[in-house]
Protein backbone atom coordinates (compact mmCIF):
# COMPACT_ATOMS: atom_id res chain seq x y z
CA MET A 1 67.90 -49.99 -61.00
CA ASN A 2 68.01 -47.57 -58.08
CA ILE A 3 65.15 -46.89 -55.68
CA ASN A 4 64.15 -43.56 -57.29
CA THR A 5 63.79 -45.20 -60.71
CA SER A 6 61.61 -47.91 -59.15
CA ARG A 7 59.37 -45.28 -57.54
CA VAL A 8 58.98 -43.39 -60.83
CA ILE A 9 58.07 -46.61 -62.67
CA PHE A 10 55.58 -47.53 -59.94
CA CYS A 11 53.93 -44.07 -60.11
CA ILE A 12 53.67 -44.22 -63.90
CA LEU A 13 52.12 -47.70 -63.77
CA PHE A 14 49.68 -46.60 -61.06
CA ILE A 15 48.58 -43.58 -63.12
CA LEU A 16 48.17 -45.74 -66.24
CA ILE A 17 46.03 -48.23 -64.34
CA LEU A 18 43.80 -45.49 -62.94
CA PHE A 19 43.47 -43.93 -66.39
CA SER A 20 42.53 -47.25 -68.02
CA ILE A 21 39.94 -47.96 -65.32
CA SER A 22 38.32 -44.56 -65.74
CA ILE A 23 38.22 -44.93 -69.53
CA SER A 24 36.73 -48.42 -69.39
CA GLY A 25 33.80 -47.17 -67.34
CA CYS A 26 34.49 -49.39 -64.37
CA LEU A 27 33.93 -46.51 -61.99
CA LYS A 28 30.29 -46.01 -62.91
CA PRO A 29 28.17 -45.86 -59.74
CA ASP A 30 26.10 -48.85 -60.91
CA THR A 31 29.10 -51.16 -60.98
CA ILE A 32 31.19 -50.04 -58.00
CA ASN A 33 29.27 -52.18 -55.52
CA PRO A 34 26.29 -53.98 -57.01
CA LEU A 35 25.38 -55.47 -53.63
CA SER A 36 24.67 -52.01 -52.21
CA LYS A 37 21.45 -51.54 -54.20
CA ASN A 38 18.04 -52.23 -52.74
CA ILE A 39 15.57 -54.25 -54.73
CA SER A 40 13.32 -51.20 -55.00
CA GLU A 41 16.02 -49.49 -57.05
CA ILE A 42 15.99 -52.30 -59.60
CA ILE A 43 12.30 -53.25 -59.80
CA PRO A 44 9.94 -50.33 -59.25
CA SER A 45 6.93 -50.67 -57.00
CA SER A 46 3.57 -50.31 -58.67
CA ASP A 47 0.07 -51.68 -58.45
CA ASN A 48 0.74 -54.37 -61.03
CA VAL A 49 4.19 -55.43 -59.70
CA PRO A 50 3.83 -56.46 -56.03
CA MET A 51 6.94 -55.84 -53.97
CA PRO A 52 8.15 -57.40 -50.74
CA GLU A 53 7.20 -55.36 -47.74
CA ASP A 54 10.65 -55.33 -46.17
CA HIS A 55 13.30 -54.45 -48.76
CA LYS A 56 16.10 -54.82 -46.20
CA ASN A 57 15.68 -58.59 -46.27
CA TYR A 58 16.84 -58.76 -49.89
CA ARG A 59 20.40 -58.79 -51.16
CA GLN A 60 21.23 -58.42 -54.84
CA MET A 61 23.38 -61.40 -55.76
CA ASN A 62 24.92 -60.35 -59.04
CA TYR A 63 25.24 -57.72 -61.61
CA SER A 64 24.89 -58.44 -65.23
CA VAL A 65 27.59 -57.98 -67.81
CA ARG A 66 24.96 -55.75 -69.36
CA GLY A 67 23.42 -53.29 -66.92
CA TYR A 68 19.62 -53.04 -66.97
CA THR A 69 17.50 -50.04 -66.20
CA GLU A 70 14.42 -50.73 -64.09
CA ASN A 71 12.14 -50.59 -67.12
CA GLU A 72 14.44 -52.80 -69.23
CA LEU A 73 14.53 -55.39 -66.46
CA LEU A 74 10.76 -55.42 -66.22
CA ASN A 75 10.33 -55.55 -70.00
CA GLU A 76 13.02 -58.15 -70.74
CA SER A 77 12.17 -60.55 -67.91
CA ASP A 78 9.89 -63.32 -69.11
CA LEU A 79 9.40 -64.38 -65.52
CA ILE A 80 9.87 -62.58 -62.19
CA CYS A 81 9.17 -64.83 -59.24
CA TYR A 82 9.97 -65.74 -55.69
CA ALA A 83 11.38 -69.26 -55.56
CA THR A 84 13.21 -71.75 -53.38
CA ALA A 85 16.26 -73.56 -54.75
CA ALA A 86 15.02 -77.15 -54.61
CA GLU A 87 17.98 -78.92 -56.24
CA ILE A 88 21.32 -77.97 -57.77
CA PHE A 89 22.11 -80.60 -60.37
CA PRO A 90 25.62 -81.82 -61.21
CA SER A 91 27.42 -79.62 -63.74
CA TYR A 92 27.96 -80.93 -67.28
CA TRP A 93 29.78 -80.20 -70.52
CA ASN A 94 27.53 -79.10 -73.35
CA THR A 95 29.50 -81.23 -75.84
CA PRO A 96 27.57 -83.80 -77.91
CA ASP A 97 29.04 -86.71 -75.90
CA GLY A 98 29.17 -84.90 -72.53
CA ASN A 99 32.95 -85.25 -72.32
CA PRO A 100 35.51 -82.45 -72.12
CA PRO A 101 36.32 -80.92 -75.53
CA LEU A 102 39.89 -82.03 -76.18
CA ASN A 103 42.08 -80.89 -79.03
CA ALA A 104 44.55 -83.15 -80.92
CA GLU A 105 47.17 -82.65 -78.19
CA GLY A 106 44.70 -83.68 -75.48
CA TYR A 107 44.17 -80.20 -74.02
CA VAL A 108 40.74 -78.85 -73.17
CA THR A 109 39.48 -76.18 -75.57
CA ILE A 110 36.42 -74.28 -74.40
CA LEU A 111 35.94 -71.85 -77.25
CA ASP A 112 32.92 -73.69 -78.63
CA TYR A 113 31.85 -75.59 -75.51
CA SER A 114 31.46 -74.86 -71.84
CA ILE A 115 30.26 -76.23 -68.51
CA TYR A 116 26.70 -75.52 -67.42
CA THR A 117 24.73 -76.23 -64.28
CA ASP A 118 20.96 -76.54 -64.01
CA ILE A 119 19.12 -75.51 -60.86
CA ASP A 120 15.56 -76.53 -60.08
CA PHE A 121 13.53 -73.84 -58.32
CA GLU A 122 10.14 -74.30 -56.70
CA THR A 123 8.15 -71.14 -57.37
CA THR A 124 6.35 -69.66 -54.39
CA TYR A 125 4.96 -66.45 -55.89
CA VAL A 126 4.90 -65.14 -59.46
CA VAL A 127 5.27 -61.38 -59.91
CA LYS A 128 5.35 -61.36 -63.72
CA GLY A 129 4.78 -64.05 -66.33
CA ASP A 130 3.53 -67.61 -66.16
CA SER A 131 5.31 -70.33 -64.26
CA ALA A 132 4.97 -73.97 -63.46
CA GLU A 133 5.43 -75.13 -59.88
CA HIS A 134 9.07 -75.95 -60.72
CA ILE A 135 11.33 -74.10 -63.13
CA ASN A 136 14.74 -75.02 -64.46
CA VAL A 137 17.38 -72.28 -64.51
CA ARG A 138 20.68 -72.75 -66.32
CA VAL A 139 23.88 -70.99 -65.22
CA SER A 140 27.03 -70.79 -67.34
CA SER A 141 29.51 -72.10 -64.79
CA GLY A 142 30.35 -75.25 -62.91
CA GLU A 143 32.86 -78.01 -62.26
CA VAL A 144 33.17 -81.39 -63.97
CA ASP A 145 35.96 -83.85 -63.13
CA GLY A 146 38.28 -81.11 -61.91
CA PHE A 147 37.60 -78.77 -64.83
CA VAL A 148 36.14 -75.48 -63.58
CA VAL A 149 34.43 -72.85 -65.70
CA TYR A 150 33.48 -69.59 -64.00
CA CYS A 151 31.93 -66.71 -65.95
CA TYR A 152 32.82 -63.41 -64.33
CA GLY A 153 29.81 -61.17 -63.73
CA LEU A 154 27.29 -63.99 -64.01
CA LEU A 155 25.86 -66.17 -61.28
CA SER A 156 27.33 -69.60 -60.75
CA PRO A 157 26.05 -72.69 -58.94
CA TRP A 158 28.23 -71.68 -55.99
CA ASP A 159 26.05 -68.59 -55.47
CA PHE A 160 22.99 -70.69 -54.61
CA GLU A 161 22.10 -72.93 -51.68
CA GLU A 162 19.44 -75.59 -51.71
CA ASN A 163 16.38 -74.69 -49.61
CA SER A 164 17.22 -70.96 -49.73
CA ASN A 165 14.78 -68.37 -51.05
CA TYR A 166 15.37 -66.05 -54.00
CA LEU A 167 13.71 -63.39 -56.10
CA LEU A 168 14.58 -64.18 -59.71
CA CYS A 169 14.32 -62.03 -62.85
CA LEU A 170 14.52 -64.56 -65.67
CA SER A 171 14.52 -64.76 -69.44
CA LYS A 172 13.73 -67.91 -71.44
CA THR A 173 16.50 -69.77 -73.23
CA GLU A 174 16.23 -70.26 -76.99
CA SER A 175 14.70 -73.71 -76.45
CA GLY A 176 12.02 -72.13 -74.27
CA ASP A 177 12.03 -74.89 -71.65
CA GLN A 178 14.62 -73.30 -69.35
CA TYR A 179 15.56 -69.85 -68.08
CA TYR A 180 18.70 -67.84 -67.60
CA ILE A 181 19.13 -65.18 -64.93
CA LEU A 182 19.02 -61.46 -65.66
CA LYS A 183 19.09 -60.48 -61.97
CA ALA A 184 18.74 -62.40 -58.74
CA TYR A 185 18.26 -61.51 -55.09
CA HIS A 186 18.78 -63.69 -52.06
CA VAL A 187 15.82 -63.45 -49.69
CA ASN A 188 17.03 -63.63 -46.11
CA ASP A 189 15.09 -66.16 -44.11
């Protein structure tokens, strides 16, 4: 293959990649750089939703696989609160016996099971909903015995630090005793 043929192939591949990105919607302004948004763009200020006085001290930590409008985030959050990460618990498999799901050949299969990590937060101020002094938040990622599961677009235990402050927009799990994260913001100390 000569150099001109290589250049033509490269240009065609480049154009196809750009075309597929534009069709998939990855160039929407909301998803180009989710960390560039201020908290005031996500959660509107109003009399019944107190906002931090200095928005520059907040950094959005994630974007959701599903984008939320401001009103959807307010409506779908069961709990919006300021909280400190008190403890990040060891990750675990959600299998009945807590062991990796192995198939007949001894390989891990994670179609029906996954690794989760629970994080205990101490609430400092509740913006919306009711909260105990401590809440348990479950994230769909973690590491157990060298097996790592990371869910792209969702927060993982590696995104949090114990004794750091956060603004959390949470929804209850089906069991109702834990929460999962819709949006989260790191509060600079």
